[in-house]
PDB file of N, CA and C in Angstrom:
ATOM      1  N   MET A   1       0.924  -1.232  -0.204  1.00  0.00           N
ATOM      2  CA  MET A   1      -0.232   0.130   0.088  1.00  0.00           C
ATOM      3  C   MET A   1       1.253   1.666  -0.189  1.00  0.00           C
ATOM      4  N   ARG A   2       0.955   1.930  -0.634  1.00  0.00           N
ATOM      5  CA  ARG A   2       1.062   3.661  -0.536  1.00  0.00           C
ATOM      6  C   ARG A   2       0.614   4.687  -0.091  1.00  0.00           C
ATOM      7  N   SER A   3       1.048   5.612  -0.412  1.00  0.00           N
ATOM      8  CA  SER A   3       0.727   6.699   0.226  1.00  0.00           C
ATOM      9  C   SER A   3       0.824   8.225  -0.378  1.00  0.00           C
ATOM     10  N   ILE A   4      -0.017   8.874   0.119  1.00  0.00           N
ATOM     11  CA  ILE A   4       0.158  10.500  -0.945  1.00  0.00           C
ATOM     12  C   ILE A   4      -0.739  11.585   0.746  1.00  0.00           C
ATOM     13  N   LYS A   5       0.293  12.648   0.665  1.00  0.00           N
ATOM     14  CA  LYS A   5      -0.061  13.691   1.518  1.00  0.00           C
ATOM     15  C   LYS A   5      -0.584  14.900   0.673  1.00  0.00           C
ATOM     16  N   THR A   6      -1.396  14.965   1.121  1.00  0.00           N
ATOM     17  CA  THR A   6      -1.955  16.492   0.362  1.00  0.00           C
ATOM     18  C   THR A   6      -2.691  17.490   1.597  1.00  0.00           C
ATOM     19  N   THR A   7      -3.037  19.034   1.083  1.00  0.00           N
ATOM     20  CA  THR A   7      -2.805  19.757   2.252  1.00  0.00           C
ATOM     21  C   THR A   7      -3.148  21.045   1.112  1.00  0.00           C
ATOM     22  N   THR A   8      -3.606  20.690  -0.021  1.00  0.00           N
ATOM     23  CA  THR A   8      -4.617  21.823  -0.644  1.00  0.00           C
ATOM     24  C   THR A   8      -5.343  21.043  -2.080  1.00  0.00           C
ATOM     25  N   ASN A   9      -5.492  22.038  -2.660  1.00  0.00           N
ATOM     26  CA  ASN A   9      -6.669  20.786  -4.151  1.00  0.00           C
ATOM     27  C   ASN A   9      -5.860  20.798  -5.130  1.00  0.00           C
ATOM     28  N   GLU A  10      -5.275  19.454  -5.570  1.00  0.00           N
ATOM     29  CA  GLU A  10      -4.676  18.829  -6.268  1.00  0.00           C
ATOM     30  C   GLU A  10      -5.145  17.668  -6.735  1.00  0.00           C
ATOM     31  N   ALA A  11      -4.167  17.436  -7.544  1.00  0.00           N
ATOM     32  CA  ALA A  11      -4.660  16.081  -8.984  1.00  0.00           C
ATOM     33  C   ALA A  11      -3.859  15.303  -7.734  1.00  0.00           C
ATOM     34  N   ILE A  12      -4.238  14.289  -6.925  1.00  0.00           N
ATOM     35  CA  ILE A  12      -3.253  13.642  -6.390  1.00  0.00           C
ATOM     36  C   ILE A  12      -2.395  12.212  -6.734  1.00  0.00           C
ATOM     37  N   LEU A  13      -3.021  12.119  -8.158  1.00  0.00           N
ATOM     38  CA  LEU A  13      -3.011  10.471  -7.951  1.00  0.00           C
ATOM     39  C   LEU A  13      -3.734  11.008 -10.030  1.00  0.00           C
ATOM     40  N   SER A  14      -2.819  10.742 -11.246  1.00  0.00           N
ATOM     41  CA  SER A  14      -3.511  10.346 -12.458  1.00  0.00           C
ATOM     42  C   SER A  14      -3.598   8.969 -13.310  1.00  0.00           C
ATOM     43  N   VAL A  15      -4.410   7.949 -12.343  1.00  0.00           N
ATOM     44  CA  VAL A  15      -4.170   7.148 -12.638  1.00  0.00           C
ATOM     45  C   VAL A  15      -4.930   6.268 -11.558  1.00  0.00           C
ATOM     46  N   PRO A  16      -5.828   5.188 -12.471  1.00  0.00           N
ATOM     47  CA  PRO A  16      -6.638   4.704 -11.899  1.00  0.00           C
ATOM     48  C   PRO A  16      -6.243   4.037 -10.063  1.00  0.00           C
ATOM     49  N   ALA A  17      -7.354   4.323  -9.297  1.00  0.00           N
ATOM     50  CA  ALA A  17      -6.289   3.467  -7.904  1.00  0.00           C
ATOM     51  C   ALA A  17      -7.768   2.759  -7.458  1.00  0.00           C
ATOM     52  N   TYR A  18      -7.558   2.246  -6.416  1.00  0.00           N
ATOM     53  CA  TYR A  18      -7.903   1.738  -5.145  1.00  0.00           C
ATOM     54  C   TYR A  18      -8.220   2.627  -3.693  1.00  0.00           C
ATOM     55  N   ILE A  19      -8.413   3.444  -3.142  1.00  0.00           N
ATOM     56  CA  ILE A  19      -8.938   4.219  -1.948  1.00  0.00           C
ATOM     57  C   ILE A  19      -9.355   3.417  -0.512  1.00  0.00           C
ATOM     58  N   SER A  20      -8.011   3.144   0.050  1.00  0.00           N
ATOM     59  CA  SER A  20      -8.462   1.648   1.091  1.00  0.00           C
ATOM     60  C   SER A  20      -8.204   2.459   2.701  1.00  0.00           C
ATOM     61  N   SER A  21      -7.683   3.759   2.282  1.00  0.00           N
ATOM     62  CA  SER A  21      -8.275   4.584   3.482  1.00  0.00           C
ATOM     63  C   SER A  21      -7.454   6.487   3.297  1.00  0.00           C
ATOM     64  N   VAL A  22      -8.004   7.170   4.525  1.00  0.00           N
ATOM     65  CA  VAL A  22      -7.840   8.606   4.453  1.00  0.00           C
ATOM     66  C   VAL A  22      -7.490   9.489   6.746  1.00  0.00           C
ATOM     67  N   VAL A  23      -6.760   9.392   6.659  1.00  0.00           N
ATOM     68  CA  VAL A  23      -6.320   9.775   7.516  1.00  0.00           C
ATOM     69  C   VAL A  23      -6.508  12.003   7.747  1.00  0.00           C
ATOM     70  N   LEU A  24      -7.394  12.264   8.059  1.00  0.00           N
ATOM     71  CA  LEU A  24      -7.575  13.762   8.281  1.00  0.00           C
ATOM     72  C   LEU A  24      -7.595  14.315   9.437  1.00  0.00           C
ATOM     73  N   ILE A  25      -6.060  15.582   9.318  1.00  0.00           N
ATOM     74  CA  ILE A  25      -6.489  15.785  10.472  1.00  0.00           C
ATOM     75  C   ILE A  25      -5.811  18.022  10.328  1.00  0.00           C
ATOM     76  N   ALA A  26      -7.419  17.938  11.156  1.00  0.00           N
ATOM     77  CA  ALA A  26      -7.659  19.459  11.311  1.00  0.00           C
ATOM     78  C   ALA A  26      -6.207  19.947  12.562  1.00  0.00           C
ATOM     79  N   ASP A  27      -6.438  21.254  12.225  1.00  0.00           N
ATOM     80  CA  ASP A  27      -6.012  22.445  13.214  1.00  0.00           C
ATOM     81  C   ASP A  27      -6.861  23.172  13.983  1.00  0.00           C
ATOM     82  N   SER A  28      -6.516  24.878  13.917  1.00  0.00           N
ATOM     83  CA  SER A  28      -7.457  24.963  14.432  1.00  0.00           C
ATOM     84  C   SER A  28      -8.765  25.586  14.495  1.00  0.00           C
ATOM     85  N   ALA A  29      -9.726  24.572  12.984  1.00  0.00           N
ATOM     86  CA  ALA A  29     -10.360  24.744  12.493  1.00  0.00           C
ATOM     87  C   ALA A  29     -11.068  23.251  12.317  1.00  0.00           C
ATOM     88  N   ALA A  30     -12.072  23.150  11.708  1.00  0.00           N
ATOM     89  CA  ALA A  30     -12.862  21.527  10.944  1.00  0.00           C
ATOM     90  C   ALA A  30     -11.901  22.036   9.203  1.00  0.00           C
ATOM     91  N   ALA A  31     -11.523  20.328   9.582  1.00  0.00           N
ATOM     92  CA  ALA A  31     -11.491  20.350   8.536  1.00  0.00           C
ATOM     93  C   ALA A  31     -12.202  18.989   7.506  1.00  0.00           C
ATOM     94  N   THR A  32     -12.014  19.426   5.801  1.00  0.00           N
ATOM     95  CA  THR A  32     -12.741  18.206   5.286  1.00  0.00           C
ATOM     96  C   THR A  32     -11.946  18.168   4.066  1.00  0.00           C
ATOM     97  N   VAL A  33     -12.025  17.088   3.519  1.00  0.00           N
ATOM     98  CA  VAL A  33     -11.487  16.300   2.240  1.00  0.00           C
ATOM     99  C   VAL A  33     -12.688  15.610   1.219  1.00  0.00           C
ATOM    100  N   THR A  34     -12.488  15.737   0.342  1.00  0.00           N
ATOM    101  CA  THR A  34     -13.244  15.794  -1.058  1.00  0.00           C
ATOM    102  C   THR A  34     -12.268  14.588  -2.034  1.00  0.00           C
ATOM    103  N   LEU A  35     -12.545  13.201  -2.592  1.00  0.00           N
ATOM    104  CA  LEU A  35     -11.944  12.812  -3.506  1.00  0.00           C
ATOM    105  C   LEU A  35     -12.509  12.278  -4.768  1.00  0.00           C
ATOM    106  N   ASN A  36     -12.185  13.170  -5.897  1.00  0.00           N
ATOM    107  CA  ASN A  36     -12.828  13.336  -7.052  1.00  0.00           C
ATOM    108  C   ASN A  36     -12.396  12.049  -7.831  1.00  0.00           C
ATOM    109  N   ASP A  37     -13.305  11.340  -8.378  1.00  0.00           N
ATOM    110  CA  ASP A  37     -12.900  10.954  -9.309  1.00  0.00           C
ATOM    111  C   ASP A  37     -12.615  11.056 -10.587  1.00  0.00           C
ATOM    112  N   SER A  38     -11.345  11.784 -10.919  1.00  0.00           N
ATOM    113  CA  SER A  38     -11.515  12.405 -11.988  1.00  0.00           C
ATOM    114  C   SER A  38      -9.358  13.332 -11.559  1.00  0.00           C
ATOM    115  N   ALA A  39      -9.038  14.117 -12.990  1.00  0.00           N
ATOM    116  CA  ALA A  39      -8.042  14.709 -12.944  1.00  0.00           C
ATOM    117  C   ALA A  39      -7.852  15.920 -12.353  1.00  0.00           C
ATOM    118  N   ASP A  40      -9.276  16.589 -12.557  1.00  0.00           N
ATOM    119  CA  ASP A  40      -9.353  17.709 -12.085  1.00  0.00           C
ATOM    120  C   ASP A  40     -10.573  18.402 -11.260  1.00  0.00           C
ATOM    121  N   GLY A  41     -11.480  17.623 -10.989  1.00  0.00           N
ATOM    122  CA  GLY A  41     -11.762  17.910  -9.886  1.00  0.00           C
ATOM    123  C   GLY A  41     -13.503  17.894 -10.480  1.00  0.00           C
ATOM    124  N   SER A  42     -13.780  17.539 -11.881  1.00  0.00           N
ATOM    125  CA  SER A  42     -14.637  18.048 -12.803  1.00  0.00           C
ATOM    126  C   SER A  42     -15.630  16.259 -12.526  1.00  0.00           C
ATOM    127  N   GLY A  43     -14.769  15.398 -11.847  1.00  0.00           N
ATOM    128  CA  GLY A  43     -15.562  14.094 -12.033  1.00  0.00           C
ATOM    129  C   GLY A  43     -16.657  14.242 -11.056  1.00  0.00           C
ATOM    130  N   THR A  44     -16.957  12.448 -10.499  1.00  0.00           N
ATOM    131  CA  THR A  44     -17.870  12.387  -9.299  1.00  0.00           C
ATOM    132  C   THR A  44     -17.341  12.472  -8.163  1.00  0.00           C
ATOM    133  N   ASP A  45     -17.642  12.998  -7.022  1.00  0.00           N
ATOM    134  CA  ASP A  45     -17.356  12.464  -5.684  1.00  0.00           C
ATOM    135  C   ASP A  45     -17.172  11.242  -5.075  1.00  0.00           C
ATOM    136  N   ARG A  46     -16.603  10.830  -4.806  1.00  0.00           N
ATOM    137  CA  ARG A  46     -16.628   9.241  -4.755  1.00  0.00           C
ATOM    138  C   ARG A  46     -16.376   9.724  -2.625  1.00  0.00           C
ATOM    139  N   ILE A  47     -15.466  10.262  -2.628  1.00  0.00           N
ATOM    140  CA  ILE A  47     -15.214  10.248  -0.973  1.00  0.00           C
ATOM    141  C   ILE A  47     -15.167  11.466  -0.280  1.00  0.00           C
ATOM    142  N   ALA A  48     -16.320  11.860   1.058  1.00  0.00           N
ATOM    143  CA  ALA A  48     -16.328  13.160   1.422  1.00  0.00           C
ATOM    144  C   ALA A  48     -15.835  12.748   3.156  1.00  0.00           C
ATOM    145  N   LEU A  49     -14.904  13.633   3.418  1.00  0.00           N
ATOM    146  CA  LEU A  49     -15.057  13.399   4.953  1.00  0.00           C
ATOM    147  C   LEU A  49     -14.730  14.649   5.909  1.00  0.00           C
ATOM    148  N   LYS A  50     -15.178  15.048   7.038  1.00  0.00           N
ATOM    149  CA  LYS A  50     -15.121  15.646   7.759  1.00  0.00           C
ATOM    150  C   LYS A  50     -14.265  15.092   9.360  1.00  0.00           C
ATOM    151  N   VAL A  51     -13.963  16.248  10.263  1.00  0.00           N
ATOM    152  CA  VAL A  51     -13.465  16.078  11.695  1.00  0.00           C
ATOM    153  C   VAL A  51     -13.221  17.676  12.070  1.00  0.00           C
ATOM    154  N   VAL A  52     -13.706  17.615  13.447  1.00  0.00           N
ATOM    155  CA  VAL A  52     -13.727  18.606  13.925  1.00  0.00           C
ATOM    156  C   VAL A  52     -12.743  19.454  13.857  1.00  0.00           C
ATOM    157  N   ALA A  53     -12.512  20.425  14.663  1.00  0.00           N
ATOM    158  CA  ALA A  53     -10.941  21.390  15.145  1.00  0.00           C
ATOM    159  C   ALA A  53      -9.995  20.507  16.287  1.00  0.00           C
ATOM    160  N   ASN A  54      -8.914  20.637  15.604  1.00  0.00           N
ATOM    161  CA  ASN A  54      -7.412  20.290  16.449  1.00  0.00           C
ATOM    162  C   ASN A  54      -8.250  18.318  16.855  1.00  0.00           C
ATOM    163  N   GLU A  55      -8.756  17.843  15.850  1.00  0.00           N
ATOM    164  CA  GLU A  55      -8.836  16.108  15.781  1.00  0.00           C
ATOM    165  C   GLU A  55      -8.245  15.760  14.797  1.00  0.00           C
ATOM    166  N   SER A  56      -8.116  14.824  14.890  1.00  0.00           N
ATOM    167  CA  SER A  56      -7.761  13.688  13.367  1.00  0.00           C
ATOM    168  C   SER A  56      -8.854  12.474  13.759  1.00  0.00           C
ATOM    169  N   LYS A  57      -8.181  11.399  12.521  1.00  0.00           N
ATOM    170  CA  LYS A  57      -9.317  10.723  11.851  1.00  0.00           C
ATOM    171  C   LYS A  57      -9.077   9.677  11.073  1.00  0.00           C
ATOM    172  N   GLN A  58      -9.008   8.232  10.965  1.00  0.00           N
ATOM    173  CA  GLN A  58      -8.684   6.944   9.703  1.00  0.00           C
ATOM    174  C   GLN A  58      -9.640   7.054   9.432  1.00  0.00           C
ATOM    175  N   PHE A  59     -10.116   7.508   8.476  1.00  0.00           N
ATOM    176  CA  PHE A  59     -11.472   6.324   7.491  1.00  0.00           C
ATOM    177  C   PHE A  59     -10.866   5.088   6.674  1.00  0.00           C
ATOM    178  N   ASN A  60     -11.142   3.939   7.376  1.00  0.00           N
ATOM    179  CA  ASN A  60     -11.568   2.725   6.600  1.00  0.00           C
ATOM    180  C   ASN A  60     -12.518   1.963   5.309  1.00  0.00           C
ATOM    181  N   PHE A  61     -11.603   2.192   4.150  1.00  0.00           N
ATOM    182  CA  PHE A  61     -12.492   1.448   3.368  1.00  0.00           C
ATOM    183  C   PHE A  61     -12.044   0.152   3.074  1.00  0.00           C
ATOM    184  N   GLU A  62     -12.721  -0.961   3.607  1.00  0.00           N
ATOM    185  CA  GLU A  62     -12.566  -2.490   3.801  1.00  0.00           C
ATOM    186  C   GLU A  62     -11.907  -3.206   2.412  1.00  0.00           C
ATOM    187  N   LYS A  63     -12.979  -2.477   1.720  1.00  0.00           N
ATOM    188  CA  LYS A  63     -12.778  -3.388   0.056  1.00  0.00           C
ATOM    189  C   LYS A  63     -11.996  -2.666  -0.794  1.00  0.00           C
ATOM    190  N   GLY A  64     -12.217  -0.670  -0.319  1.00  0.00           N
ATOM    191  CA  GLY A  64     -11.260   0.278  -1.026  1.00  0.00           C
ATOM    192  C   GLY A  64     -12.617   0.804  -1.624  1.00  0.00           C
ATOM    193  N   VAL A  65     -12.287   1.962  -2.336  1.00  0.00           N
ATOM    194  CA  VAL A  65     -13.288   2.937  -2.995  1.00  0.00           C
ATOM    195  C   VAL A  65     -12.775   2.462  -4.350  1.00  0.00           C
ATOM    196  N   LYS A  66     -13.010   2.254  -5.527  1.00  0.00           N
ATOM    197  CA  LYS A  66     -12.590   2.205  -7.097  1.00  0.00           C
ATOM    198  C   LYS A  66     -12.852   3.532  -7.538  1.00  0.00           C
ATOM    199  N   PHE A  67     -11.623   4.222  -7.960  1.00  0.00           N
ATOM    200  CA  PHE A  67     -11.493   6.037  -8.546  1.00  0.00           C
ATOM    201  C   PHE A  67     -11.015   4.860 -10.282  1.00  0.00           C
ATOM    202  N   ASP A  68     -11.968   5.221 -11.016  1.00  0.00           N
ATOM    203  CA  ASP A  68     -11.639   4.971 -12.421  1.00  0.00           C
ATOM    204  C   ASP A  68     -11.073   5.333 -13.057  1.00  0.00           C
ATOM    205  N   THR A  69     -10.878   6.753 -13.213  1.00  0.00           N
ATOM    206  CA  THR A  69      -9.782   7.843 -13.815  1.00  0.00           C
ATOM    207  C   THR A  69      -8.874   8.052 -13.094  1.00  0.00           C
ATOM    208  N   ALA A  70      -9.670   9.062 -11.948  1.00  0.00           N
ATOM    209  CA  ALA A  70      -7.950   9.792 -11.274  1.00  0.00           C
ATOM    210  C   ALA A  70      -8.229   9.656 -10.345  1.00  0.00           C
ATOM    211  N   VAL A  71      -7.369  10.987  -9.119  1.00  0.00           N
ATOM    212  CA  VAL A  71      -7.712  10.921  -7.953  1.00  0.00           C
ATOM    213  C   VAL A  71      -7.331  12.641  -7.753  1.00  0.00           C
ATOM    214  N   TYR A  72      -8.634  13.080  -7.109  1.00  0.00           N
ATOM    215  CA  TYR A  72      -8.587  15.000  -7.360  1.00  0.00           C
ATOM    216  C   TYR A  72      -9.060  15.692  -5.423  1.00  0.00           C
ATOM    217  N   SER A  73      -7.680  15.774  -5.710  1.00  0.00           N
ATOM    218  CA  SER A  73      -8.254  16.410  -3.544  1.00  0.00           C
ATOM    219  C   SER A  73      -8.622  17.505  -3.281  1.00  0.00           C
ATOM    220  N   THR A  74      -9.786  18.305  -3.384  1.00  0.00           N
ATOM    221  CA  THR A  74     -10.428  19.202  -2.496  1.00  0.00           C
ATOM    222  C   THR A  74     -10.853  19.393  -1.171  1.00  0.00           C
ATOM    223  N   ILE A  75      -9.194  20.087  -0.546  1.00  0.00           N
ATOM    224  CA  ILE A  75      -9.400  20.356   0.821  1.00  0.00           C
ATOM    225  C   ILE A  75      -9.542  21.367   1.637  1.00  0.00           C
ATOM    226  N   THR A  76     -10.645  21.527   2.740  1.00  0.00           N
ATOM    227  CA  THR A  76     -10.570  22.532   3.291  1.00  0.00           C
ATOM    228  C   THR A  76     -10.470  22.572   5.088  1.00  0.00           C
ATOM    229  N   GLY A  77     -10.621  24.069   5.513  1.00  0.00           N
ATOM    230  CA  GLY A  77      -9.385  23.855   7.167  1.00  0.00           C
ATOM    231  C   GLY A  77      -8.039  24.140   7.250  1.00  0.00           C
ATOM    232  N   ASN A  78      -8.035  25.211   8.559  1.00  0.00           N
ATOM    233  CA  ASN A  78      -6.430  26.017   8.721  1.00  0.00           C
ATOM    234  C   ASN A  78      -5.472  24.732   8.826  1.00  0.00           C
ATOM    235  N   SER A  79      -4.702  24.897   7.906  1.00  0.00           N
ATOM    236  CA  SER A  79      -3.628  23.583   7.818  1.00  0.00           C
ATOM    237  C   SER A  79      -3.979  22.157   7.823  1.00  0.00           C
ATOM    238  N   ALA A  80      -4.858  21.994   7.117  1.00  0.00           N
ATOM    239  CA  ALA A  80      -5.655  21.080   7.158  1.00  0.00           C
ATOM    240  C   ALA A  80      -4.618  19.802   6.410  1.00  0.00           C
ATOM    241  N   VAL A  81      -4.259  18.250   6.782  1.00  0.00           N
ATOM    242  CA  VAL A  81      -3.814  17.947   5.777  1.00  0.00           C
ATOM    243  C   VAL A  81      -4.619  16.206   5.796  1.00  0.00           C
ATOM    244  N   ALA A  82      -4.174  15.683   4.750  1.00  0.00           N
ATOM    245  CA  ALA A  82      -4.603  14.408   4.407  1.00  0.00           C
ATOM    246  C   ALA A  82      -3.937  13.337   3.745  1.00  0.00           C
ATOM    247  N   TYR A  83      -3.956  12.248   4.331  1.00  0.00           N
ATOM    248  CA  TYR A  83      -2.870  11.271   4.089  1.00  0.00           C
ATOM    249  C   TYR A  83      -4.354  10.310   3.301  1.00  0.00           C
ATOM    250  N   VAL A  84      -3.550  10.519   2.275  1.00  0.00           N
ATOM    251  CA  VAL A  84      -4.608   9.012   1.281  1.00  0.00           C
ATOM    252  C   VAL A  84      -4.071   8.214   1.221  1.00  0.00           C
ATOM    253  N   TYR A  85      -4.409   6.331   1.139  1.00  0.00           N
ATOM    254  CA  TYR A  85      -3.514   5.305   1.414  1.00  0.00           C
ATOM    255  C   TYR A  85      -4.212   4.637  -0.189  1.00  0.00           C
ATOM    256  N   TYR A  86      -3.471   3.972  -0.922  1.00  0.00           N
ATOM    257  CA  TYR A  86      -3.729   3.436  -1.863  1.00  0.00           C
ATOM    258  C   TYR A  86      -3.525   2.154  -2.803  1.00  0.00           C
ATOM    259  N   ARG A  87      -4.209   1.260  -3.673  1.00  0.00           N
ATOM    260  CA  ARG A  87      -3.043   0.258  -4.360  1.00  0.00           C
ATOM    261  C   ARG A  87      -3.687   0.325  -5.653  1.00  0.00           C
TER     262      ARG A  87
END
């Protein structure tokens, strides 16, 4: 399993993938991350997660969430960080 760190709105993978886990870390404000099945955010939202301020949480997807095209991340929150684990 591989991982990638994201802190901004960006394409994090340019190939199809299965997302198996996401760790979302919030600083002084709540944090959200949305993972979209596209290279530019124009596709289908497949995962949308949120944590409250000053918290972190690991979200596990036992069978993995399939992304057919690519993975685009949209993240909000002051200094929010997401670690996306994929295969």
